Amino acid sequence: MRLYEYFADGDKYRGLRLVWPEEDLAHLNFLESLNGRRLEAEWIPFKVEIEPKWWKRWPDLWSISSRPTFNRRAREVFEPLLEQVVEFLPVKVVNYDYELFFVNVLDVEDCVDYERATWRWVEFEDIDKLKLIKKYKFHAECVERKLIFKVRSGRAWKDIITERFVEVTNRHKLKGLYLGRLAFLDDTASDE
């Protein structure tokens, strides 16, 4: 099984520009704090602009600061499959009448196989040491039933999607996903 870090394809499809909150240190710290906790009760919708490049197509799968963001159609496809592992939070589009949802991934499980992964300790001034993963390896039994989950690498959290997520995307012809492979689960496959 292949695993991927979630990315929207900004080369072929329109992107989003964050209007509020500003993309500053406080916003980046907020994104780093998305560690699986529910946000619905405290959520204040992000405000975004859709880039006006007419030659680019409209995707179903977007991203805000590399975090999953879905349109209404993608939400309707994935909601029954992900109801216990994500929450869909509204996003305010300021330059179009268009519905978007920030996908807060709640499924945080340390599925990394540290014996086979390549990683190193990194020290931060304000917190203790954290593992910075350079080459991922995962425990198969931990991820085989998942569609999307979150793992930590240093201070950051990465949203990881599985081959099953990609299959659902392809079956429903959802557009906008960029697939840069992160890891294989099968040791017999080359992940160089």
N, C-alpha and C. Protein backbone atom coordinates (compact mmCIF):
# COMPACT_ATOMS: atom_id res chain seq x y z
N MET A 1 0.85 -1.19 0.00
CA MET A 1 0.00 0.00 0.00
C MET A 1 0.89 1.24 0.00
N ARG A 2 0.52 2.21 -0.79
CA ARG A 2 1.25 3.48 -0.83
C ARG A 2 0.59 4.48 0.13
N LEU A 3 1.41 5.33 0.69
CA LEU A 3 0.96 6.41 1.56
C LEU A 3 1.49 7.72 1.00
N TYR A 4 0.70 8.79 1.18
CA TYR A 4 1.06 10.09 0.63
C TYR A 4 0.80 11.17 1.67
N GLU A 5 1.59 12.24 1.60
CA GLU A 5 1.26 13.42 2.38
C GLU A 5 0.21 14.18 1.58
N TYR A 6 -0.82 14.71 2.24
CA TYR A 6 -1.88 15.42 1.53
C TYR A 6 -1.33 16.72 0.95
N PHE A 7 -1.48 16.87 -0.37
CA PHE A 7 -1.16 18.11 -1.06
C PHE A 7 -2.19 18.35 -2.15
N ALA A 8 -2.59 19.61 -2.31
CA ALA A 8 -3.44 19.98 -3.44
C ALA A 8 -2.51 20.35 -4.60
N ASP A 9 -2.95 20.07 -5.81
CA ASP A 9 -2.15 20.33 -7.01
C ASP A 9 -2.33 21.78 -7.44
N GLY A 10 -1.39 22.62 -7.06
CA GLY A 10 -1.47 24.04 -7.39
C GLY A 10 -1.01 24.39 -8.79
N ASP A 11 -0.41 23.43 -9.50
CA ASP A 11 0.03 23.71 -10.87
C ASP A 11 -1.12 23.68 -11.86
N LYS A 12 -2.03 22.74 -11.70
CA LYS A 12 -3.14 22.57 -12.65
C LYS A 12 -4.43 23.25 -12.18
N TYR A 13 -4.56 23.43 -10.87
CA TYR A 13 -5.83 23.89 -10.31
C TYR A 13 -5.65 25.20 -9.55
N ARG A 14 -6.75 25.91 -9.41
CA ARG A 14 -6.73 27.15 -8.65
C ARG A 14 -6.35 26.88 -7.20
N GLY A 15 -5.74 27.88 -6.60
CA GLY A 15 -5.34 27.76 -5.20
C GLY A 15 -6.09 28.76 -4.34
N LEU A 16 -5.80 28.71 -3.05
CA LEU A 16 -6.42 29.60 -2.08
C LEU A 16 -5.36 30.51 -1.48
N ARG A 17 -5.75 31.75 -1.24
CA ARG A 17 -4.89 32.69 -0.51
C ARG A 17 -5.59 33.02 0.79
N LEU A 18 -4.89 32.82 1.87
CA LEU A 18 -5.45 33.09 3.19
C LEU A 18 -5.55 34.60 3.40
N VAL A 19 -6.77 35.09 3.67
CA VAL A 19 -7.00 36.51 3.93
C VAL A 19 -6.98 36.76 5.43
N TRP A 20 -7.66 35.90 6.18
CA TRP A 20 -7.67 35.98 7.64
C TRP A 20 -7.72 34.58 8.22
N PRO A 21 -6.97 34.25 9.20
CA PRO A 21 -5.96 35.10 9.82
C PRO A 21 -4.76 35.26 8.90
N GLU A 22 -3.97 36.29 9.14
CA GLU A 22 -2.78 36.48 8.33
C GLU A 22 -1.86 35.29 8.51
N GLU A 23 -1.14 34.98 7.45
CA GLU A 23 -0.21 33.85 7.52
C GLU A 23 1.06 34.33 8.23
N ASP A 24 0.96 34.39 9.55
CA ASP A 24 2.08 34.86 10.36
C ASP A 24 2.46 33.78 11.36
N LEU A 25 3.31 34.12 12.30
CA LEU A 25 3.79 33.14 13.27
C LEU A 25 2.65 32.57 14.11
N ALA A 26 1.69 33.42 14.50
CA ALA A 26 0.56 32.94 15.31
C ALA A 26 -0.27 31.91 14.53
N HIS A 27 -0.48 32.17 13.23
CA HIS A 27 -1.24 31.23 12.40
C HIS A 27 -0.48 29.91 12.26
N LEU A 28 0.83 30.00 12.01
CA LEU A 28 1.63 28.78 11.88
C LEU A 28 1.66 27.99 13.18
N ASN A 29 1.73 28.69 14.31
CA ASN A 29 1.67 28.01 15.61
C ASN A 29 0.32 27.33 15.80
N PHE A 30 -0.76 27.98 15.34
CA PHE A 30 -2.08 27.37 15.43
C PHE A 30 -2.12 26.08 14.61
N LEU A 31 -1.61 26.12 13.38
CA LEU A 31 -1.61 24.93 12.54
C LEU A 31 -0.78 23.81 13.16
N GLU A 32 0.34 24.17 13.79
CA GLU A 32 1.16 23.16 14.46
C GLU A 32 0.45 22.56 15.66
N SER A 33 -0.51 23.30 16.22
CA SER A 33 -1.23 22.79 17.40
C SER A 33 -2.38 21.86 17.03
N LEU A 34 -2.64 21.66 15.74
CA LEU A 34 -3.73 20.78 15.31
C LEU A 34 -3.31 19.34 15.52
N ASN A 35 -3.49 18.88 16.72
CA ASN A 35 -2.99 17.58 17.14
C ASN A 35 -4.11 16.57 17.37
N GLY A 36 -5.20 16.73 16.65
CA GLY A 36 -6.30 15.79 16.79
C GLY A 36 -7.42 16.27 17.69
N ARG A 37 -7.29 17.45 18.26
CA ARG A 37 -8.36 17.95 19.13
C ARG A 37 -9.48 18.55 18.28
N ARG A 38 -10.69 18.43 18.78
CA ARG A 38 -11.85 19.00 18.09
C ARG A 38 -11.84 20.52 18.20
N LEU A 39 -12.23 21.19 17.11
CA LEU A 39 -12.22 22.65 17.05
C LEU A 39 -13.60 23.26 16.86
N GLU A 40 -14.59 22.43 16.59
CA GLU A 40 -15.91 22.93 16.20
C GLU A 40 -16.46 23.99 17.16
N ALA A 41 -16.34 23.78 18.47
CA ALA A 41 -16.91 24.71 19.45
C ALA A 41 -16.23 26.07 19.44
N GLU A 42 -14.96 26.12 19.09
CA GLU A 42 -14.21 27.38 19.12
C GLU A 42 -13.88 27.93 17.73
N TRP A 43 -14.36 27.27 16.69
CA TRP A 43 -13.95 27.58 15.32
C TRP A 43 -14.46 28.94 14.86
N ILE A 44 -13.55 29.75 14.38
CA ILE A 44 -13.87 31.00 13.67
C ILE A 44 -13.38 30.76 12.25
N PRO A 45 -14.27 30.77 11.26
CA PRO A 45 -13.87 30.38 9.90
C PRO A 45 -12.71 31.21 9.33
N PHE A 46 -11.78 30.50 8.71
CA PHE A 46 -10.75 31.17 7.93
C PHE A 46 -11.44 31.93 6.80
N LYS A 47 -10.85 33.04 6.39
CA LYS A 47 -11.31 33.76 5.20
C LYS A 47 -10.25 33.58 4.13
N VAL A 48 -10.70 33.17 2.94
CA VAL A 48 -9.76 32.91 1.85
C VAL A 48 -10.26 33.57 0.56
N GLU A 49 -9.32 33.79 -0.35
CA GLU A 49 -9.64 34.18 -1.72
C GLU A 49 -9.23 33.04 -2.63
N ILE A 50 -10.08 32.76 -3.60
CA ILE A 50 -9.73 31.79 -4.63
C ILE A 50 -8.96 32.54 -5.70
N GLU A 51 -7.80 31.99 -6.10
CA GLU A 51 -6.99 32.71 -7.08
C GLU A 51 -7.78 32.86 -8.38
N PRO A 52 -7.74 34.04 -8.98
CA PRO A 52 -8.58 34.34 -10.14
C PRO A 52 -7.99 33.92 -11.49
N LYS A 53 -7.05 33.00 -11.50
CA LYS A 53 -6.41 32.59 -12.76
C LYS A 53 -7.39 31.78 -13.59
N TRP A 54 -7.91 32.39 -14.64
CA TRP A 54 -8.98 31.78 -15.44
C TRP A 54 -8.54 30.52 -16.15
N TRP A 55 -7.25 30.36 -16.43
CA TRP A 55 -6.78 29.19 -17.18
C TRP A 55 -6.64 27.95 -16.30
N LYS A 56 -6.75 28.14 -14.99
CA LYS A 56 -6.66 26.99 -14.09
C LYS A 56 -8.06 26.47 -13.76
N ARG A 57 -8.17 25.18 -13.62
CA ARG A 57 -9.46 24.54 -13.33
C ARG A 57 -9.81 24.63 -11.85
N TRP A 58 -11.08 24.39 -11.55
CA TRP A 58 -11.57 24.39 -10.17
C TRP A 58 -11.43 22.97 -9.62
N PRO A 59 -10.71 22.80 -8.52
CA PRO A 59 -10.58 21.47 -7.93
C PRO A 59 -11.71 21.17 -6.95
N ASP A 60 -11.77 19.92 -6.53
CA ASP A 60 -12.65 19.51 -5.44
C ASP A 60 -11.86 19.47 -4.13
N LEU A 61 -10.58 19.15 -4.25
CA LEU A 61 -9.68 19.00 -3.10
C LEU A 61 -8.69 20.16 -3.12
N TRP A 62 -8.75 20.99 -2.09
CA TRP A 62 -7.93 22.19 -1.97
C TRP A 62 -7.02 22.03 -0.77
N SER A 63 -6.27 23.10 -0.48
CA SER A 63 -5.54 23.12 0.79
C SER A 63 -5.38 24.55 1.28
N ILE A 64 -5.37 24.69 2.59
CA ILE A 64 -5.04 25.94 3.25
C ILE A 64 -3.78 25.65 4.05
N SER A 65 -2.69 26.30 3.70
CA SER A 65 -1.40 26.07 4.37
C SER A 65 -1.07 24.58 4.45
N SER A 66 -1.24 23.88 3.34
CA SER A 66 -0.96 22.44 3.20
C SER A 66 -1.89 21.55 4.02
N ARG A 67 -2.99 22.08 4.50
CA ARG A 67 -3.97 21.28 5.24
C ARG A 67 -5.16 20.99 4.35
N PRO A 68 -5.76 19.80 4.45
CA PRO A 68 -6.88 19.44 3.57
C PRO A 68 -8.05 20.42 3.68
N THR A 69 -8.59 20.77 2.54
CA THR A 69 -9.77 21.62 2.44
C THR A 69 -10.59 21.08 1.28
N PHE A 70 -11.88 20.81 1.52
CA PHE A 70 -12.74 20.17 0.52
C PHE A 70 -13.85 21.12 0.10
N ASN A 71 -14.31 20.95 -1.15
CA ASN A 71 -15.53 21.64 -1.55
C ASN A 71 -16.73 20.78 -1.13
N ARG A 72 -17.93 21.25 -1.40
CA ARG A 72 -19.15 20.56 -0.99
C ARG A 72 -19.18 19.13 -1.55
N ARG A 73 -18.85 18.97 -2.81
CA ARG A 73 -18.90 17.65 -3.46
C ARG A 73 -17.95 16.66 -2.77
N ALA A 74 -16.71 17.07 -2.51
CA ALA A 74 -15.75 16.19 -1.85
C ALA A 74 -16.21 15.86 -0.44
N ARG A 75 -16.79 16.84 0.25
CA ARG A 75 -17.30 16.57 1.59
C ARG A 75 -18.39 15.51 1.55
N GLU A 76 -19.33 15.63 0.59
CA GLU A 76 -20.42 14.66 0.50
C GLU A 76 -19.90 13.25 0.21
N VAL A 77 -18.83 13.14 -0.55
CA VAL A 77 -18.23 11.82 -0.84
C VAL A 77 -17.57 11.26 0.41
N PHE A 78 -16.78 12.06 1.09
CA PHE A 78 -15.95 11.55 2.19
C PHE A 78 -16.63 11.56 3.56
N GLU A 79 -17.65 12.36 3.75
CA GLU A 79 -18.25 12.48 5.09
C GLU A 79 -18.69 11.14 5.68
N PRO A 80 -19.40 10.28 4.94
CA PRO A 80 -19.79 9.00 5.55
C PRO A 80 -18.60 8.09 5.85
N LEU A 81 -17.51 8.26 5.14
CA LEU A 81 -16.33 7.41 5.33
C LEU A 81 -15.42 7.92 6.45
N LEU A 82 -15.51 9.21 6.74
CA LEU A 82 -14.58 9.83 7.68
C LEU A 82 -15.24 10.44 8.91
N GLU A 83 -16.51 10.11 9.17
CA GLU A 83 -17.25 10.84 10.20
C GLU A 83 -16.62 10.76 11.58
N GLN A 84 -15.88 9.73 11.91
CA GLN A 84 -15.27 9.62 13.24
C GLN A 84 -13.83 10.13 13.27
N VAL A 85 -13.23 10.39 12.11
CA VAL A 85 -11.80 10.72 12.10
C VAL A 85 -11.48 12.14 11.64
N VAL A 86 -12.48 12.90 11.17
CA VAL A 86 -12.25 14.30 10.81
C VAL A 86 -13.47 15.12 11.22
N GLU A 87 -13.29 16.42 11.25
CA GLU A 87 -14.44 17.32 11.33
C GLU A 87 -14.30 18.33 10.20
N PHE A 88 -15.43 18.64 9.58
CA PHE A 88 -15.48 19.57 8.46
C PHE A 88 -15.90 20.94 9.00
N LEU A 89 -15.01 21.92 8.88
CA LEU A 89 -15.24 23.24 9.45
C LEU A 89 -15.38 24.25 8.31
N PRO A 90 -16.40 25.11 8.36
CA PRO A 90 -16.65 26.02 7.24
C PRO A 90 -15.52 27.03 7.04
N VAL A 91 -15.31 27.37 5.78
CA VAL A 91 -14.34 28.39 5.38
C VAL A 91 -15.11 29.45 4.61
N LYS A 92 -14.81 30.71 4.85
CA LYS A 92 -15.48 31.82 4.17
C LYS A 92 -14.66 32.24 2.95
N VAL A 93 -15.25 32.04 1.76
CA VAL A 93 -14.62 32.49 0.51
C VAL A 93 -15.11 33.91 0.26
N VAL A 94 -14.18 34.87 0.17
CA VAL A 94 -14.58 36.27 0.09
C VAL A 94 -14.80 36.78 -1.33
N ASN A 95 -14.25 36.10 -2.34
CA ASN A 95 -14.38 36.65 -3.70
C ASN A 95 -15.24 35.80 -4.64
N TYR A 96 -15.84 34.74 -4.17
CA TYR A 96 -16.77 33.92 -4.95
C TYR A 96 -17.85 33.40 -4.02
N ASP A 97 -18.99 33.06 -4.57
CA ASP A 97 -20.03 32.37 -3.81
C ASP A 97 -19.73 30.88 -3.94
N TYR A 98 -18.95 30.35 -3.01
CA TYR A 98 -18.45 28.99 -3.12
C TYR A 98 -18.26 28.42 -1.72
N GLU A 99 -18.63 27.16 -1.55
CA GLU A 99 -18.56 26.52 -0.24
C GLU A 99 -17.29 25.68 -0.11
N LEU A 100 -16.53 25.95 0.95
CA LEU A 100 -15.33 25.16 1.26
C LEU A 100 -15.34 24.77 2.73
N PHE A 101 -14.65 23.66 3.03
CA PHE A 101 -14.57 23.14 4.39
C PHE A 101 -13.14 22.76 4.72
N PHE A 102 -12.62 23.33 5.79
CA PHE A 102 -11.32 22.94 6.32
C PHE A 102 -11.49 21.58 6.98
N VAL A 103 -10.61 20.64 6.68
CA VAL A 103 -10.71 19.29 7.21
C VAL A 103 -9.73 19.16 8.38
N ASN A 104 -10.28 19.11 9.58
CA ASN A 104 -9.46 18.93 10.78
C ASN A 104 -9.36 17.43 11.05
N VAL A 105 -8.17 16.88 10.83
CA VAL A 105 -7.96 15.44 11.00
C VAL A 105 -7.81 15.15 12.49
N LEU A 106 -8.70 14.29 13.01
CA LEU A 106 -8.72 13.94 14.43
C LEU A 106 -7.95 12.66 14.73
N ASP A 107 -7.75 11.83 13.73
CA ASP A 107 -7.09 10.54 13.92
C ASP A 107 -5.58 10.74 14.01
N VAL A 108 -5.09 10.80 15.24
CA VAL A 108 -3.66 10.95 15.50
C VAL A 108 -3.20 9.66 16.17
N GLU A 109 -2.39 8.93 15.45
CA GLU A 109 -1.90 7.67 15.99
C GLU A 109 -0.46 7.52 15.53
N ASP A 110 0.41 7.17 16.43
CA ASP A 110 1.82 7.03 16.06
C ASP A 110 2.03 5.69 15.38
N CYS A 111 1.85 5.69 14.08
CA CYS A 111 1.97 4.47 13.27
C CYS A 111 3.36 4.31 12.67
N VAL A 112 4.26 5.24 12.97
CA VAL A 112 5.60 5.19 12.40
C VAL A 112 6.38 4.03 13.02
N ASP A 113 7.04 3.27 12.17
CA ASP A 113 7.93 2.20 12.60
C ASP A 113 9.33 2.81 12.72
N TYR A 114 9.67 3.25 13.93
CA TYR A 114 10.93 3.97 14.13
C TYR A 114 12.16 3.09 13.94
N GLU A 115 12.01 1.79 14.02
CA GLU A 115 13.15 0.90 13.79
C GLU A 115 13.54 0.88 12.32
N ARG A 116 12.58 1.08 11.42
CA ARG A 116 12.86 1.05 9.98
C ARG A 116 12.88 2.43 9.35
N ALA A 117 12.27 3.41 9.98
CA ALA A 117 12.25 4.78 9.44
C ALA A 117 13.62 5.44 9.65
N THR A 118 13.86 6.47 8.87
CA THR A 118 15.06 7.28 9.05
C THR A 118 14.64 8.57 9.74
N TRP A 119 15.21 8.83 10.91
CA TRP A 119 14.82 10.01 11.69
C TRP A 119 15.99 10.47 12.54
N ARG A 120 15.84 11.67 13.10
CA ARG A 120 16.84 12.18 14.04
C ARG A 120 16.15 13.04 15.08
N TRP A 121 16.81 13.17 16.23
CA TRP A 121 16.29 14.03 17.28
C TRP A 121 16.58 15.49 16.94
N VAL A 122 15.62 16.36 17.19
CA VAL A 122 15.81 17.80 17.00
C VAL A 122 15.41 18.47 18.30
N GLU A 123 16.25 19.38 18.77
CA GLU A 123 15.94 20.11 20.01
C GLU A 123 15.32 21.46 19.67
N PHE A 124 14.31 21.82 20.45
CA PHE A 124 13.66 23.12 20.32
C PHE A 124 13.83 23.87 21.64
N GLU A 125 13.97 25.19 21.57
CA GLU A 125 14.19 25.97 22.78
C GLU A 125 13.01 25.89 23.75
N ASP A 126 11.80 25.95 23.21
CA ASP A 126 10.62 26.05 24.06
C ASP A 126 10.04 24.70 24.47
N ILE A 127 10.47 23.64 23.81
CA ILE A 127 10.00 22.30 24.18
C ILE A 127 11.18 21.35 24.14
N ASP A 128 10.96 20.15 24.56
CA ASP A 128 12.02 19.15 24.60
C ASP A 128 12.39 18.69 23.20
N LYS A 129 13.08 17.59 23.12
CA LYS A 129 13.45 17.00 21.84
C LYS A 129 12.25 16.37 21.16
N LEU A 130 12.23 16.44 19.84
CA LEU A 130 11.22 15.77 19.03
C LEU A 130 11.90 15.03 17.89
N LYS A 131 11.25 13.98 17.42
CA LYS A 131 11.80 13.22 16.29
C LYS A 131 11.41 13.90 14.98
N LEU A 132 12.42 14.15 14.14
CA LEU A 132 12.19 14.68 12.80
C LEU A 132 12.40 13.53 11.83
N ILE A 133 11.34 13.15 11.15
CA ILE A 133 11.39 11.97 10.28
C ILE A 133 11.81 12.39 8.88
N LYS A 134 12.81 11.69 8.35
CA LYS A 134 13.29 11.99 7.00
C LYS A 134 12.75 10.99 5.99
N LYS A 135 12.65 9.73 6.38
CA LYS A 135 12.12 8.70 5.49
C LYS A 135 11.15 7.85 6.31
N TYR A 136 9.91 7.85 5.89
CA TYR A 136 8.86 7.18 6.66
C TYR A 136 8.79 5.69 6.40
N LYS A 137 8.51 4.96 7.46
CA LYS A 137 8.09 3.56 7.41
C LYS A 137 6.97 3.45 8.44
N PHE A 138 5.91 2.72 8.08
CA PHE A 138 4.76 2.61 8.96
C PHE A 138 4.48 1.16 9.31
N HIS A 139 3.85 0.96 10.46
CA HIS A 139 3.35 -0.36 10.85
C HIS A 139 2.09 -0.63 10.03
N ALA A 140 2.10 -1.69 9.24
CA ALA A 140 0.98 -2.00 8.34
C ALA A 140 -0.33 -2.16 9.10
N GLU A 141 -0.31 -2.87 10.22
CA GLU A 141 -1.55 -3.12 10.96
C GLU A 141 -2.15 -1.84 11.52
N CYS A 142 -1.35 -0.81 11.65
CA CYS A 142 -1.84 0.46 12.19
C CYS A 142 -2.56 1.30 11.14
N VAL A 143 -2.14 1.18 9.88
CA VAL A 143 -2.70 2.07 8.85
C VAL A 143 -3.57 1.38 7.81
N GLU A 144 -3.65 0.05 7.83
CA GLU A 144 -4.31 -0.65 6.72
C GLU A 144 -5.79 -0.34 6.57
N ARG A 145 -6.48 0.07 7.62
CA ARG A 145 -7.92 0.38 7.50
C ARG A 145 -8.19 1.88 7.41
N LYS A 146 -7.17 2.67 7.44
CA LYS A 146 -7.34 4.13 7.47
C LYS A 146 -7.45 4.72 6.07
N LEU A 147 -8.08 5.89 6.00
CA LEU A 147 -8.09 6.70 4.78
C LEU A 147 -7.18 7.91 4.96
N ILE A 148 -7.25 8.51 6.14
CA ILE A 148 -6.44 9.70 6.44
C ILE A 148 -6.11 9.68 7.92
N PHE A 149 -4.90 10.12 8.25
CA PHE A 149 -4.50 10.22 9.65
C PHE A 149 -3.38 11.24 9.75
N LYS A 150 -3.01 11.56 10.97
CA LYS A 150 -2.03 12.60 11.22
C LYS A 150 -0.84 11.99 11.96
N VAL A 151 0.39 12.39 11.55
CA VAL A 151 1.60 11.99 12.26
C VAL A 151 2.45 13.22 12.54
N ARG A 152 3.27 13.11 13.56
CA ARG A 152 4.14 14.22 13.93
C ARG A 152 5.52 14.02 13.33
N SER A 153 6.09 15.12 12.85
CA SER A 153 7.48 15.14 12.40
C SER A 153 8.09 16.44 12.89
N GLY A 154 8.90 16.36 13.93
CA GLY A 154 9.41 17.57 14.56
C GLY A 154 8.25 18.32 15.20
N ARG A 155 8.18 19.62 14.96
CA ARG A 155 7.08 20.42 15.52
C ARG A 155 5.81 20.29 14.71
N ALA A 156 5.95 19.91 13.46
CA ALA A 156 4.81 19.92 12.53
C ALA A 156 4.02 18.61 12.59
N TRP A 157 2.77 18.71 12.16
CA TRP A 157 1.91 17.54 11.99
C TRP A 157 1.65 17.39 10.50
N LYS A 158 1.76 16.19 9.99
CA LYS A 158 1.50 15.92 8.58
C LYS A 158 0.20 15.14 8.45
N ASP A 159 -0.61 15.52 7.46
CA ASP A 159 -1.83 14.78 7.16
C ASP A 159 -1.48 13.75 6.09
N ILE A 160 -1.62 12.48 6.45
CA ILE A 160 -1.23 11.37 5.59
C ILE A 160 -2.48 10.73 5.01
N ILE A 161 -2.47 10.50 3.70
CA ILE A 161 -3.58 9.79 3.05
C ILE A 161 -3.07 8.45 2.53
N THR A 162 -3.98 7.50 2.48
CA THR A 162 -3.62 6.15 2.05
C THR A 162 -4.10 5.91 0.62
N GLU A 163 -3.70 4.78 0.10
CA GLU A 163 -4.15 4.37 -1.23
C GLU A 163 -5.68 4.28 -1.28
N ARG A 164 -6.29 3.89 -0.18
CA ARG A 164 -7.76 3.80 -0.13
C ARG A 164 -8.39 5.18 -0.34
N PHE A 165 -7.81 6.22 0.24
CA PHE A 165 -8.28 7.59 0.04
C PHE A 165 -8.19 7.96 -1.44
N VAL A 166 -7.07 7.63 -2.06
CA VAL A 166 -6.86 7.92 -3.48
C VAL A 166 -7.87 7.16 -4.34
N GLU A 167 -8.15 5.91 -3.99
CA GLU A 167 -9.14 5.11 -4.73
C GLU A 167 -10.52 5.75 -4.68
N VAL A 168 -10.93 6.24 -3.51
CA VAL A 168 -12.22 6.93 -3.39
C VAL A 168 -12.21 8.19 -4.25
N THR A 169 -11.12 8.93 -4.21
CA THR A 169 -10.98 10.14 -5.03
C THR A 169 -11.14 9.82 -6.51
N ASN A 170 -10.47 8.77 -6.97
CA ASN A 170 -10.54 8.38 -8.38
C ASN A 170 -11.93 7.85 -8.76
N ARG A 171 -12.52 7.04 -7.90
CA ARG A 171 -13.84 6.46 -8.19
C ARG A 171 -14.90 7.56 -8.37
N HIS A 172 -14.79 8.62 -7.60
CA HIS A 172 -15.77 9.71 -7.67
C HIS A 172 -15.30 10.87 -8.55
N LYS A 173 -14.16 10.67 -9.22
CA LYS A 173 -13.61 11.67 -10.14
C LYS A 173 -13.42 13.04 -9.48
N LEU A 174 -12.94 13.01 -8.23
CA LEU A 174 -12.62 14.24 -7.53
C LEU A 174 -11.27 14.74 -8.04
N LYS A 175 -11.19 16.04 -8.26
CA LYS A 175 -9.99 16.62 -8.85
C LYS A 175 -9.23 17.48 -7.85
N GLY A 176 -7.91 17.57 -8.09
CA GLY A 176 -7.10 18.51 -7.33
C GLY A 176 -6.03 17.92 -6.45
N LEU A 177 -5.96 16.61 -6.35
CA LEU A 177 -4.99 15.98 -5.45
C LEU A 177 -3.64 15.83 -6.15
N TYR A 178 -2.57 16.17 -5.45
CA TYR A 178 -1.22 15.93 -5.95
C TYR A 178 -0.66 14.74 -5.18
N LEU A 179 -0.18 13.74 -5.91
CA LEU A 179 0.32 12.53 -5.27
C LEU A 179 1.84 12.45 -5.34
N GLY A 180 2.47 12.90 -4.30
CA GLY A 180 3.91 12.71 -4.13
C GLY A 180 4.08 11.64 -3.08
N ARG A 181 4.55 10.47 -3.48
CA ARG A 181 4.60 9.32 -2.59
C ARG A 181 5.44 9.61 -1.35
N LEU A 182 4.96 9.18 -0.22
CA LEU A 182 5.66 9.35 1.05
C LEU A 182 6.32 8.04 1.46
N ALA A 183 5.61 6.92 1.28
CA ALA A 183 6.14 5.63 1.72
C ALA A 183 5.35 4.49 1.12
N PHE A 184 5.95 3.32 1.09
CA PHE A 184 5.27 2.06 0.80
C PHE A 184 5.16 1.31 2.11
N LEU A 185 4.11 0.54 2.27
CA LEU A 185 4.03 -0.34 3.44
C LEU A 185 4.77 -1.64 3.18
N ASP A 186 4.79 -2.07 1.94
CA ASP A 186 5.38 -3.36 1.57
C ASP A 186 6.88 -3.19 1.39
N ASP A 187 7.67 -3.91 2.18
CA ASP A 187 9.13 -3.81 2.08
C ASP A 187 9.68 -4.31 0.76
N THR A 188 8.91 -5.12 0.03
CA THR A 188 9.41 -5.64 -1.24
C THR A 188 9.35 -4.59 -2.33
N ALA A 189 8.56 -3.53 -2.12
CA ALA A 189 8.46 -2.45 -3.11
C ALA A 189 9.55 -1.42 -2.83
N SER A 190 10.06 -0.83 -3.86
CA SER A 190 11.10 0.19 -3.70
C SER A 190 10.44 1.53 -3.43
N ASP A 191 10.89 2.20 -2.38
CA ASP A 191 10.37 3.55 -2.14
C ASP A 191 11.49 4.57 -2.20
N GLU A 192 12.40 4.36 -3.10
CA GLU A 192 13.47 5.33 -3.35
C GLU A 192 12.94 6.43 -4.24
